[in-house]
PDB file of N, CA and C in Angstrom:
ATOM      1  N   MET A   1       0.840  -1.186   0.000  1.00  0.00           N
ATOM      2  CA  MET A   1       0.000   0.000   0.000  1.00  0.00           C
ATOM      3  C   MET A   1       0.884   1.248   0.000  1.00  0.00           C
ATOM      4  N   THR A   2       0.416   2.248  -0.686  1.00  0.00           N
ATOM      5  CA  THR A   2       1.112   3.524  -0.737  1.00  0.00           C
ATOM      6  C   THR A   2       0.488   4.472   0.283  1.00  0.00           C
ATOM      7  N   THR A   3       1.332   5.262   0.935  1.00  0.00           N
ATOM      8  CA  THR A   3       0.865   6.222   1.932  1.00  0.00           C
ATOM      9  C   THR A   3       0.758   7.607   1.309  1.00  0.00           C
ATOM     10  N   TYR A   4      -0.276   8.334   1.700  1.00  0.00           N
ATOM     11  CA  TYR A   4      -0.504   9.691   1.224  1.00  0.00           C
ATOM     12  C   TYR A   4      -0.843  10.581   2.418  1.00  0.00           C
ATOM     13  N   ILE A   5      -0.380  11.817   2.353  1.00  0.00           N
ATOM     14  CA  ILE A   5      -0.742  12.830   3.336  1.00  0.00           C
ATOM     15  C   ILE A   5      -1.693  13.784   2.618  1.00  0.00           C
ATOM     16  N   MET A   6      -2.889  13.970   3.172  1.00  0.00           N
ATOM     17  CA  MET A   6      -3.863  14.860   2.556  1.00  0.00           C
ATOM     18  C   MET A   6      -4.072  16.078   3.437  1.00  0.00           C
ATOM     19  N   LEU A   7      -3.828  17.254   2.854  1.00  0.00           N
ATOM     20  CA  LEU A   7      -4.072  18.525   3.522  1.00  0.00           C
ATOM     21  C   LEU A   7      -5.432  19.018   3.038  1.00  0.00           C
ATOM     22  N   VAL A   8      -6.324  19.316   3.964  1.00  0.00           N
ATOM     23  CA  VAL A   8      -7.721  19.598   3.613  1.00  0.00           C
ATOM     24  C   VAL A   8      -8.151  20.950   4.161  1.00  0.00           C
ATOM     25  N   ASN A   9      -8.856  21.710   3.330  1.00  0.00           N
ATOM     26  CA  ASN A   9      -9.473  22.956   3.762  1.00  0.00           C
ATOM     27  C   ASN A   9     -10.940  22.946   3.370  1.00  0.00           C
ATOM     28  N   TRP A  10     -11.778  23.425   4.290  1.00  0.00           N
ATOM     29  CA  TRP A  10     -13.187  23.566   3.968  1.00  0.00           C
ATOM     30  C   TRP A  10     -13.364  24.672   2.941  1.00  0.00           C
ATOM     31  N   THR A  11     -14.294  24.490   2.039  1.00  0.00           N
ATOM     32  CA  THR A  11     -14.721  25.550   1.146  1.00  0.00           C
ATOM     33  C   THR A  11     -15.752  26.389   1.908  1.00  0.00           C
ATOM     34  N   GLU A  12     -16.222  27.458   1.303  1.00  0.00           N
ATOM     35  CA  GLU A  12     -17.276  28.253   1.930  1.00  0.00           C
ATOM     36  C   GLU A  12     -18.506  27.382   2.191  1.00  0.00           C
ATOM     37  N   GLN A  13     -18.833  26.530   1.223  1.00  0.00           N
ATOM     38  CA  GLN A  13     -19.960  25.598   1.391  1.00  0.00           C
ATOM     39  C   GLN A  13     -19.711  24.642   2.552  1.00  0.00           C
ATOM     40  N   GLY A  14     -18.491  24.127   2.648  1.00  0.00           N
ATOM     41  CA  GLY A  14     -18.160  23.192   3.717  1.00  0.00           C
ATOM     42  C   GLY A  14     -18.256  23.809   5.094  1.00  0.00           C
ATOM     43  N   VAL A  15     -17.851  25.081   5.216  1.00  0.00           N
ATOM     44  CA  VAL A  15     -17.927  25.768   6.503  1.00  0.00           C
ATOM     45  C   VAL A  15     -19.387  26.023   6.876  1.00  0.00           C
ATOM     46  N   LYS A  16     -20.198  26.403   5.900  1.00  0.00           N
ATOM     47  CA  LYS A  16     -21.616  26.650   6.178  1.00  0.00           C
ATOM     48  C   LYS A  16     -22.298  25.395   6.719  1.00  0.00           C
ATOM     49  N   ASN A  17     -21.818  24.237   6.286  1.00  0.00           N
ATOM     50  CA  ASN A  17     -22.394  22.954   6.701  1.00  0.00           C
ATOM     51  C   ASN A  17     -21.439  22.179   7.604  1.00  0.00           C
ATOM     52  N   VAL A  18     -20.660  22.886   8.418  1.00  0.00           N
ATOM     53  CA  VAL A  18     -19.614  22.251   9.211  1.00  0.00           C
ATOM     54  C   VAL A  18     -20.169  21.210  10.185  1.00  0.00           C
ATOM     55  N   ARG A  19     -21.381  21.389  10.652  1.00  0.00           N
ATOM     56  CA  ARG A  19     -21.951  20.412  11.593  1.00  0.00           C
ATOM     57  C   ARG A  19     -22.152  19.044  10.948  1.00  0.00           C
ATOM     58  N   GLU A  20     -22.206  19.017   9.625  1.00  0.00           N
ATOM     59  CA  GLU A  20     -22.348  17.754   8.893  1.00  0.00           C
ATOM     60  C   GLU A  20     -20.991  17.117   8.585  1.00  0.00           C
ATOM     61  N   SER A  21     -19.912  17.803   8.910  1.00  0.00           N
ATOM     62  CA  SER A  21     -18.571  17.328   8.579  1.00  0.00           C
ATOM     63  C   SER A  21     -18.253  15.931   9.114  1.00  0.00           C
ATOM     64  N   PRO A  22     -18.600  15.586  10.362  1.00  0.00           N
ATOM     65  CA  PRO A  22     -18.313  14.225  10.825  1.00  0.00           C
ATOM     66  C   PRO A  22     -19.011  13.146   9.980  1.00  0.00           C
ATOM     67  N   LYS A  23     -20.224  13.418   9.533  1.00  0.00           N
ATOM     68  CA  LYS A  23     -20.922  12.461   8.664  1.00  0.00           C
ATOM     69  C   LYS A  23     -20.216  12.349   7.319  1.00  0.00           C
ATOM     70  N   ARG A  24     -19.726  13.482   6.806  1.00  0.00           N
ATOM     71  CA  ARG A  24     -19.003  13.455   5.533  1.00  0.00           C
ATOM     72  C   ARG A  24     -17.693  12.684   5.688  1.00  0.00           C
ATOM     73  N   LEU A  25     -17.020  12.848   6.833  1.00  0.00           N
ATOM     74  CA  LEU A  25     -15.791  12.091   7.086  1.00  0.00           C
ATOM     75  C   LEU A  25     -16.086  10.597   7.110  1.00  0.00           C
ATOM     76  N   ASP A  26     -17.146  10.201   7.788  1.00  0.00           N
ATOM     77  CA  ASP A  26     -17.519   8.782   7.833  1.00  0.00           C
ATOM     78  C   ASP A  26     -17.794   8.246   6.430  1.00  0.00           C
ATOM     79  N   ALA A  27     -18.475   9.037   5.616  1.00  0.00           N
ATOM     80  CA  ALA A  27     -18.771   8.618   4.237  1.00  0.00           C
ATOM     81  C   ALA A  27     -17.485   8.501   3.422  1.00  0.00           C
ATOM     82  N   ALA A  28     -16.547   9.428   3.629  1.00  0.00           N
ATOM     83  CA  ALA A  28     -15.268   9.377   2.912  1.00  0.00           C
ATOM     84  C   ALA A  28     -14.467   8.144   3.320  1.00  0.00           C
ATOM     85  N   LYS A  29     -14.461   7.835   4.611  1.00  0.00           N
ATOM     86  CA  LYS A  29     -13.760   6.634   5.079  1.00  0.00           C
ATOM     87  C   LYS A  29     -14.342   5.385   4.439  1.00  0.00           C
ATOM     88  N   LYS A  30     -15.658   5.319   4.374  1.00  0.00           N
ATOM     89  CA  LYS A  30     -16.323   4.165   3.765  1.00  0.00           C
ATOM     90  C   LYS A  30     -15.988   4.075   2.281  1.00  0.00           C
ATOM     91  N   GLN A  31     -16.029   5.221   1.592  1.00  0.00           N
ATOM     92  CA  GLN A  31     -15.744   5.236   0.161  1.00  0.00           C
ATOM     93  C   GLN A  31     -14.319   4.773  -0.125  1.00  0.00           C
ATOM     94  N   LEU A  32     -13.350   5.285   0.631  1.00  0.00           N
ATOM     95  CA  LEU A  32     -11.962   4.873   0.404  1.00  0.00           C
ATOM     96  C   LEU A  32     -11.789   3.393   0.716  1.00  0.00           C
ATOM     97  N   SER A  33     -12.440   2.911   1.752  1.00  0.00           N
ATOM     98  CA  SER A  33     -12.370   1.490   2.095  1.00  0.00           C
ATOM     99  C   SER A  33     -12.906   0.624   0.958  1.00  0.00           C
ATOM    100  N   GLU A  34     -13.996   1.051   0.367  1.00  0.00           N
ATOM    101  CA  GLU A  34     -14.573   0.306  -0.759  1.00  0.00           C
ATOM    102  C   GLU A  34     -13.658   0.315  -1.977  1.00  0.00           C
ATOM    103  N   MET A  35     -12.757   1.290  -2.040  1.00  0.00           N
ATOM    104  CA  MET A  35     -11.793   1.381  -3.144  1.00  0.00           C
ATOM    105  C   MET A  35     -10.504   0.625  -2.822  1.00  0.00           C
ATOM    106  N   GLY A  36     -10.444   0.003  -1.644  1.00  0.00           N
ATOM    107  CA  GLY A  36      -9.268  -0.775  -1.264  1.00  0.00           C
ATOM    108  C   GLY A  36      -8.265  -0.029  -0.406  1.00  0.00           C
ATOM    109  N   GLY A  37      -8.602   1.179   0.020  1.00  0.00           N
ATOM    110  CA  GLY A  37      -7.693   1.979   0.834  1.00  0.00           C
ATOM    111  C   GLY A  37      -8.218   2.170   2.242  1.00  0.00           C
ATOM    112  N   SER A  38      -7.559   3.066   2.994  1.00  0.00           N
ATOM    113  CA  SER A  38      -8.017   3.331   4.355  1.00  0.00           C
ATOM    114  C   SER A  38      -7.447   4.642   4.877  1.00  0.00           C
ATOM    115  N   PHE A  39      -8.157   5.198   5.846  1.00  0.00           N
ATOM    116  CA  PHE A  39      -7.667   6.329   6.625  1.00  0.00           C
ATOM    117  C   PHE A  39      -6.847   5.733   7.765  1.00  0.00           C
ATOM    118  N   LYS A  40      -5.611   6.141   7.911  1.00  0.00           N
ATOM    119  CA  LYS A  40      -4.769   5.673   9.014  1.00  0.00           C
ATOM    120  C   LYS A  40      -4.836   6.638  10.194  1.00  0.00           C
ATOM    121  N   GLU A  41      -4.907   7.940   9.893  1.00  0.00           N
ATOM    122  CA  GLU A  41      -5.015   8.952  10.937  1.00  0.00           C
ATOM    123  C   GLU A  41      -5.782  10.134  10.373  1.00  0.00           C
ATOM    124  N   PHE A  42      -6.445  10.864  11.258  1.00  0.00           N
ATOM    125  CA  PHE A  42      -7.180  12.058  10.854  1.00  0.00           C
ATOM    126  C   PHE A  42      -7.073  13.084  11.976  1.00  0.00           C
ATOM    127  N   TYR A  43      -6.818  14.339  11.610  1.00  0.00           N
ATOM    128  CA  TYR A  43      -6.661  15.405  12.591  1.00  0.00           C
ATOM    129  C   TYR A  43      -7.408  16.660  12.153  1.00  0.00           C
ATOM    130  N   LEU A  44      -8.090  17.308  13.080  1.00  0.00           N
ATOM    131  CA  LEU A  44      -8.545  18.678  12.913  1.00  0.00           C
ATOM    132  C   LEU A  44      -7.341  19.521  13.289  1.00  0.00           C
ATOM    133  N   THR A  45      -6.977  20.490  12.453  1.00  0.00           N
ATOM    134  CA  THR A  45      -5.754  21.241  12.695  1.00  0.00           C
ATOM    135  C   THR A  45      -6.024  22.741  12.714  1.00  0.00           C
ATOM    136  N   MET A  46      -5.088  23.473  13.279  1.00  0.00           N
ATOM    137  CA  MET A  46      -5.130  24.931  13.305  1.00  0.00           C
ATOM    138  C   MET A  46      -3.969  25.429  12.449  1.00  0.00           C
ATOM    139  N   GLY A  47      -4.194  26.477  11.710  1.00  0.00           N
ATOM    140  CA  GLY A  47      -3.138  27.025  10.870  1.00  0.00           C
ATOM    141  C   GLY A  47      -3.583  27.038   9.417  1.00  0.00           C
ATOM    142  N   ASP A  48      -2.668  26.730   8.521  1.00  0.00           N
ATOM    143  CA  ASP A  48      -2.952  26.801   7.088  1.00  0.00           C
ATOM    144  C   ASP A  48      -3.972  25.770   6.620  1.00  0.00           C
ATOM    145  N   CYS A  49      -4.081  24.662   7.321  1.00  0.00           N
ATOM    146  CA  CYS A  49      -4.999  23.592   6.924  1.00  0.00           C
ATOM    147  C   CYS A  49      -6.038  23.386   8.015  1.00  0.00           C
ATOM    148  N   ASP A  50      -7.251  23.079   7.587  1.00  0.00           N
ATOM    149  CA  ASP A  50      -8.316  22.784   8.546  1.00  0.00           C
ATOM    150  C   ASP A  50      -8.231  21.361   9.076  1.00  0.00           C
ATOM    151  N   MET A  51      -7.783  20.439   8.213  1.00  0.00           N
ATOM    152  CA  MET A  51      -7.680  19.033   8.582  1.00  0.00           C
ATOM    153  C   MET A  51      -6.481  18.413   7.870  1.00  0.00           C
ATOM    154  N   VAL A  52      -5.937  17.361   8.458  1.00  0.00           N
ATOM    155  CA  VAL A  52      -4.857  16.586   7.848  1.00  0.00           C
ATOM    156  C   VAL A  52      -5.204  15.112   8.032  1.00  0.00           C
ATOM    157  N   ALA A  53      -5.031  14.344   6.962  1.00  0.00           N
ATOM    158  CA  ALA A  53      -5.297  12.905   7.029  1.00  0.00           C
ATOM    159  C   ALA A  53      -4.106  12.136   6.481  1.00  0.00           C
ATOM    160  N   VAL A  54      -3.852  10.988   7.087  1.00  0.00           N
ATOM    161  CA  VAL A  54      -2.861  10.043   6.572  1.00  0.00           C
ATOM    162  C   VAL A  54      -3.670   8.879   6.012  1.00  0.00           C
ATOM    163  N   LEU A  55      -3.492   8.627   4.722  1.00  0.00           N
ATOM    164  CA  LEU A  55      -4.285   7.641   4.005  1.00  0.00           C
ATOM    165  C   LEU A  55      -3.396   6.589   3.372  1.00  0.00           C
ATOM    166  N   GLU A  56      -3.973   5.430   3.096  1.00  0.00           N
ATOM    167  CA  GLU A  56      -3.301   4.408   2.301  1.00  0.00           C
ATOM    168  C   GLU A  56      -4.221   3.999   1.164  1.00  0.00           C
ATOM    169  N   ALA A  57      -3.615   3.747   0.011  1.00  0.00           N
ATOM    170  CA  ALA A  57      -4.361   3.277  -1.150  1.00  0.00           C
ATOM    171  C   ALA A  57      -3.468   2.323  -1.932  1.00  0.00           C
ATOM    172  N   PRO A  58      -4.086   1.431  -2.709  1.00  0.00           N
ATOM    173  CA  PRO A  58      -3.286   0.468  -3.468  1.00  0.00           C
ATOM    174  C   PRO A  58      -2.353   1.119  -4.485  1.00  0.00           C
ATOM    175  N   ASP A  59      -2.750   2.266  -5.056  1.00  0.00           N
ATOM    176  CA  ASP A  59      -1.903   2.927  -6.048  1.00  0.00           C
ATOM    177  C   ASP A  59      -2.380   4.362  -6.264  1.00  0.00           C
ATOM    178  N   ASP A  60      -1.625   5.094  -7.089  1.00  0.00           N
ATOM    179  CA  ASP A  60      -1.934   6.497  -7.345  1.00  0.00           C
ATOM    180  C   ASP A  60      -3.280   6.681  -8.040  1.00  0.00           C
ATOM    181  N   ALA A  61      -3.651   5.772  -8.908  1.00  0.00           N
ATOM    182  CA  ALA A  61      -4.921   5.889  -9.624  1.00  0.00           C
ATOM    183  C   ALA A  61      -6.107   5.815  -8.665  1.00  0.00           C
ATOM    184  N   VAL A  62      -6.039   4.920  -7.702  1.00  0.00           N
ATOM    185  CA  VAL A  62      -7.110   4.814  -6.703  1.00  0.00           C
ATOM    186  C   VAL A  62      -7.187   6.110  -5.897  1.00  0.00           C
ATOM    187  N   MET A  63      -6.043   6.628  -5.484  1.00  0.00           N
ATOM    188  CA  MET A  63      -6.054   7.867  -4.706  1.00  0.00           C
ATOM    189  C   MET A  63      -6.585   9.025  -5.544  1.00  0.00           C
ATOM    190  N   ALA A  64      -6.214   9.082  -6.802  1.00  0.00           N
ATOM    191  CA  ALA A  64      -6.717  10.147  -7.674  1.00  0.00           C
ATOM    192  C   ALA A  64      -8.234  10.073  -7.800  1.00  0.00           C
ATOM    193  N   ARG A  65      -8.767   8.877  -7.987  1.00  0.00           N
ATOM    194  CA  ARG A  65     -10.228   8.721  -8.077  1.00  0.00           C
ATOM    195  C   ARG A  65     -10.899   9.140  -6.767  1.00  0.00           C
ATOM    196  N   PHE A  66     -10.313   8.756  -5.651  1.00  0.00           N
ATOM    197  CA  PHE A  66     -10.876   9.114  -4.353  1.00  0.00           C
ATOM    198  C   PHE A  66     -10.885  10.634  -4.168  1.00  0.00           C
ATOM    199  N   VAL A  67      -9.775  11.281  -4.459  1.00  0.00           N
ATOM    200  CA  VAL A  67      -9.681  12.731  -4.295  1.00  0.00           C
ATOM    201  C   VAL A  67     -10.688  13.444  -5.199  1.00  0.00           C
ATOM    202  N   LEU A  68     -10.801  12.999  -6.431  1.00  0.00           N
ATOM    203  CA  LEU A  68     -11.770  13.613  -7.345  1.00  0.00           C
ATOM    204  C   LEU A  68     -13.196  13.437  -6.835  1.00  0.00           C
ATOM    205  N   ALA A  69     -13.513  12.252  -6.362  1.00  0.00           N
ATOM    206  CA  ALA A  69     -14.857  12.002  -5.828  1.00  0.00           C
ATOM    207  C   ALA A  69     -15.103  12.857  -4.587  1.00  0.00           C
ATOM    208  N   LEU A  70     -14.113  12.978  -3.737  1.00  0.00           N
ATOM    209  CA  LEU A  70     -14.245  13.746  -2.503  1.00  0.00           C
ATOM    210  C   LEU A  70     -14.472  15.228  -2.787  1.00  0.00           C
ATOM    211  N   THR A  71     -13.707  15.772  -3.700  1.00  0.00           N
ATOM    212  CA  THR A  71     -13.761  17.215  -3.930  1.00  0.00           C
ATOM    213  C   THR A  71     -14.941  17.643  -4.796  1.00  0.00           C
ATOM    214  N   THR A  72     -15.493  16.757  -5.593  1.00  0.00           N
ATOM    215  CA  THR A  72     -16.618  17.149  -6.443  1.00  0.00           C
ATOM    216  C   THR A  72     -17.866  17.479  -5.633  1.00  0.00           C
ATOM    217  N   ALA A  73     -17.942  17.050  -4.383  1.00  0.00           N
ATOM    218  CA  ALA A  73     -19.083  17.394  -3.533  1.00  0.00           C
ATOM    219  C   ALA A  73     -19.055  18.879  -3.160  1.00  0.00           C
ATOM    220  N   GLY A  74     -17.889  19.512  -3.263  1.00  0.00           N
ATOM    221  CA  GLY A  74     -17.791  20.950  -3.053  1.00  0.00           C
ATOM    222  C   GLY A  74     -17.575  21.416  -1.623  1.00  0.00           C
ATOM    223  N   ASN A  75     -17.372  20.499  -0.690  1.00  0.00           N
ATOM    224  CA  ASN A  75     -17.202  20.893   0.716  1.00  0.00           C
ATOM    225  C   ASN A  75     -15.757  21.119   1.122  1.00  0.00           C
ATOM    226  N   VAL A  76     -14.824  20.521   0.383  1.00  0.00           N
ATOM    227  CA  VAL A  76     -13.406  20.650   0.725  1.00  0.00           C
ATOM    228  C   VAL A  76     -12.556  20.804  -0.530  1.00  0.00           C
ATOM    229  N   ARG A  77     -11.381  21.388  -0.299  1.00  0.00           N
ATOM    230  CA  ARG A  77     -10.310  21.409  -1.295  1.00  0.00           C
ATOM    231  C   ARG A  77      -9.149  20.665  -0.657  1.00  0.00           C
ATOM    232  N   THR A  78      -8.409  19.938  -1.476  1.00  0.00           N
ATOM    233  CA  THR A  78      -7.329  19.134  -0.908  1.00  0.00           C
ATOM    234  C   THR A  78      -6.012  19.378  -1.629  1.00  0.00           C
ATOM    235  N   ARG A  79      -4.938  19.046  -0.925  1.00  0.00           N
ATOM    236  CA  ARG A  79      -3.603  18.899  -1.507  1.00  0.00           C
ATOM    237  C   ARG A  79      -3.125  17.553  -1.006  1.00  0.00           C
ATOM    238  N   THR A  80      -2.759  16.688  -1.931  1.00  0.00           N
ATOM    239  CA  THR A  80      -2.381  15.334  -1.556  1.00  0.00           C
ATOM    240  C   THR A  80      -0.911  15.110  -1.881  1.00  0.00           C
ATOM    241  N   LEU A  81      -0.193  14.586  -0.902  1.00  0.00           N
ATOM    242  CA  LEU A  81       1.235  14.329  -1.030  1.00  0.00           C
ATOM    243  C   LEU A  81       1.482  12.833  -0.949  1.00  0.00           C
ATOM    244  N   LYS A  82       2.246  12.307  -1.882  1.00  0.00           N
ATOM    245  CA  LYS A  82       2.659  10.903  -1.801  1.00  0.00           C
ATOM    246  C   LYS A  82       3.804  10.838  -0.795  1.00  0.00           C
ATOM    247  N   ALA A  83       3.695   9.917   0.151  1.00  0.00           N
ATOM    248  CA  ALA A  83       4.675   9.834   1.229  1.00  0.00           C
ATOM    249  C   ALA A  83       5.491   8.548   1.129  1.00  0.00           C
ATOM    250  N   PHE A  84       6.790   8.679   1.357  1.00  0.00           N
ATOM    251  CA  PHE A  84       7.698   7.534   1.350  1.00  0.00           C
ATOM    252  C   PHE A  84       8.109   7.256   2.792  1.00  0.00           C
ATOM    253  N   PRO A  85       7.944   6.029   3.267  1.00  0.00           N
ATOM    254  CA  PRO A  85       8.370   5.714   4.636  1.00  0.00           C
ATOM    255  C   PRO A  85       9.896   5.792   4.753  1.00  0.00           C
ATOM    256  N   GLU A  86      10.375   5.785   5.982  1.00  0.00           N
ATOM    257  CA  GLU A  86      11.810   5.956   6.214  1.00  0.00           C
ATOM    258  C   GLU A  86      12.657   4.938   5.458  1.00  0.00           C
ATOM    259  N   ALA A  87      12.240   3.689   5.426  1.00  0.00           N
ATOM    260  CA  ALA A  87      13.041   2.667   4.719  1.00  0.00           C
ATOM    261  C   ALA A  87      13.173   3.011   3.235  1.00  0.00           C
ATOM    262  N   ALA A  88      12.091   3.454   2.624  1.00  0.00           N
ATOM    263  CA  ALA A  88      12.139   3.838   1.207  1.00  0.00           C
ATOM    264  C   ALA A  88      12.996   5.090   1.026  1.00  0.00           C
ATOM    265  N   TYR A  89      12.865   6.025   1.938  1.00  0.00           N
ATOM    266  CA  TYR A  89      13.688   7.231   1.903  1.00  0.00           C
ATOM    267  C   TYR A  89      15.177   6.865   1.900  1.00  0.00           C
ATOM    268  N   ARG A  90      15.555   5.976   2.822  1.00  0.00           N
ATOM    269  CA  ARG A  90      16.963   5.578   2.909  1.00  0.00           C
ATOM    270  C   ARG A  90      17.420   4.864   1.634  1.00  0.00           C
ATOM    271  N   GLU A  91      16.562   4.032   1.092  1.00  0.00           N
ATOM    272  CA  GLU A  91      16.896   3.320  -0.150  1.00  0.00           C
ATOM    273  C   GLU A  91      17.070   4.301  -1.301  1.00  0.00           C
ATOM    274  N   ILE A  92      16.202   5.274  -1.401  1.00  0.00           N
ATOM    275  CA  ILE A  92      16.293   6.273  -2.465  1.00  0.00           C
ATOM    276  C   ILE A  92      17.583   7.080  -2.324  1.00  0.00           C
ATOM    277  N   ILE A  93      17.871   7.522  -1.119  1.00  0.00           N
ATOM    278  CA  ILE A  93      19.096   8.323  -0.906  1.00  0.00           C
ATOM    279  C   ILE A  93      20.332   7.487  -1.169  1.00  0.00           C
ATOM    280  N   ASN A  94      20.344   6.237  -0.710  1.00  0.00           N
ATOM    281  CA  ASN A  94      21.511   5.360  -0.932  1.00  0.00           C
ATOM    282  C   ASN A  94      21.712   5.056  -2.405  1.00  0.00           C
ATOM    283  N   SER A  95      20.658   5.076  -3.190  1.00  0.00           N
ATOM    284  CA  SER A  95      20.793   4.777  -4.618  1.00  0.00           C
ATOM    285  C   SER A  95      21.450   5.906  -5.391  1.00  0.00           C
ATOM    286  N   LEU A  96      21.648   7.050  -4.742  1.00  0.00           N
ATOM    287  CA  LEU A  96      22.300   8.176  -5.417  1.00  0.00           C
ATOM    288  C   LEU A  96      23.788   7.923  -5.651  1.00  0.00           C
ATOM    289  N   GLY A  97      24.334   6.971  -4.925  1.00  0.00           N
ATOM    290  CA  GLY A  97      25.728   6.602  -5.127  1.00  0.00           C
ATOM    291  C   GLY A  97      26.713   7.266  -4.249  1.00  0.00           C
TER     292      GLY A  97
END
Protein backbone atom coordinates (compact mmCIF):
# COMPACT_ATOMS: atom_id res chain seq x y z
CA MET A 1 0.00 0.00 0.00
CA THR A 2 1.11 3.52 -0.74
CA THR A 3 0.86 6.22 1.93
CA TYR A 4 -0.50 9.69 1.22
CA ILE A 5 -0.74 12.83 3.34
CA MET A 6 -3.86 14.86 2.56
CA LEU A 7 -4.07 18.52 3.52
CA VAL A 8 -7.72 19.60 3.61
CA ASN A 9 -9.47 22.96 3.76
CA TRP A 10 -13.19 23.57 3.97
CA THR A 11 -14.72 25.55 1.15
CA GLU A 12 -17.28 28.25 1.93
CA GLN A 13 -19.96 25.60 1.39
CA GLY A 14 -18.16 23.19 3.72
CA VAL A 15 -17.93 25.77 6.50
CA LYS A 16 -21.62 26.65 6.18
CA ASN A 17 -22.39 22.95 6.70
CA VAL A 18 -19.61 22.25 9.21
CA ARG A 19 -21.95 20.41 11.59
CA GLU A 20 -22.35 17.75 8.89
CA SER A 21 -18.57 17.33 8.58
CA PRO A 22 -18.31 14.23 10.83
CA LYS A 23 -20.92 12.46 8.66
CA ARG A 24 -19.00 13.46 5.53
CA LEU A 25 -15.79 12.09 7.09
CA ASP A 26 -17.52 8.78 7.83
CA ALA A 27 -18.77 8.62 4.24
CA ALA A 28 -15.27 9.38 2.91
CA LYS A 29 -13.76 6.63 5.08
CA LYS A 30 -16.32 4.17 3.76
CA GLN A 31 -15.74 5.24 0.16
CA LEU A 32 -11.96 4.87 0.40
CA SER A 33 -12.37 1.49 2.09
CA GLU A 34 -14.57 0.31 -0.76
CA MET A 35 -11.79 1.38 -3.14
CA GLY A 36 -9.27 -0.77 -1.26
CA GLY A 37 -7.69 1.98 0.83
CA SER A 38 -8.02 3.33 4.36
CA PHE A 39 -7.67 6.33 6.63
CA LYS A 40 -4.77 5.67 9.01
CA GLU A 41 -5.01 8.95 10.94
CA PHE A 42 -7.18 12.06 10.85
CA TYR A 43 -6.66 15.41 12.59
CA LEU A 44 -8.55 18.68 12.91
CA THR A 45 -5.75 21.24 12.69
CA MET A 46 -5.13 24.93 13.31
CA GLY A 47 -3.14 27.02 10.87
CA ASP A 48 -2.95 26.80 7.09
CA CYS A 49 -5.00 23.59 6.92
CA ASP A 50 -8.32 22.78 8.55
CA MET A 51 -7.68 19.03 8.58
CA VAL A 52 -4.86 16.59 7.85
CA ALA A 53 -5.30 12.91 7.03
CA VAL A 54 -2.86 10.04 6.57
CA LEU A 55 -4.29 7.64 4.01
CA GLU A 56 -3.30 4.41 2.30
CA ALA A 57 -4.36 3.28 -1.15
CA PRO A 58 -3.29 0.47 -3.47
CA ASP A 59 -1.90 2.93 -6.05
CA ASP A 60 -1.93 6.50 -7.34
CA ALA A 61 -4.92 5.89 -9.62
CA VAL A 62 -7.11 4.81 -6.70
CA MET A 63 -6.05 7.87 -4.71
CA ALA A 64 -6.72 10.15 -7.67
CA ARG A 65 -10.23 8.72 -8.08
CA PHE A 66 -10.88 9.11 -4.35
CA VAL A 67 -9.68 12.73 -4.29
CA LEU A 68 -11.77 13.61 -7.35
CA ALA A 69 -14.86 12.00 -5.83
CA LEU A 70 -14.24 13.75 -2.50
CA THR A 71 -13.76 17.21 -3.93
CA THR A 72 -16.62 17.15 -6.44
CA ALA A 73 -19.08 17.39 -3.53
CA GLY A 74 -17.79 20.95 -3.05
CA ASN A 75 -17.20 20.89 0.72
CA VAL A 76 -13.41 20.65 0.72
CA ARG A 77 -10.31 21.41 -1.30
CA THR A 78 -7.33 19.13 -0.91
CA ARG A 79 -3.60 18.90 -1.51
CA THR A 80 -2.38 15.33 -1.56
CA LEU A 81 1.23 14.33 -1.03
CA LYS A 82 2.66 10.90 -1.80
CA ALA A 83 4.68 9.83 1.23
CA PHE A 84 7.70 7.53 1.35
CA PRO A 85 8.37 5.71 4.64
CA GLU A 86 11.81 5.96 6.21
CA ALA A 87 13.04 2.67 4.72
CA ALA A 88 12.14 3.84 1.21
CA TYR A 89 13.69 7.23 1.90
CA ARG A 90 16.96 5.58 2.91
CA GLU A 91 16.90 3.32 -0.15
CA ILE A 92 16.29 6.27 -2.46
CA ILE A 93 19.10 8.32 -0.91
CA ASN A 94 21.51 5.36 -0.93
CA SER A 95 20.79 4.78 -4.62
CA LEU A 96 22.30 8.18 -5.42
CA GLY A 97 25.73 6.60 -5.13
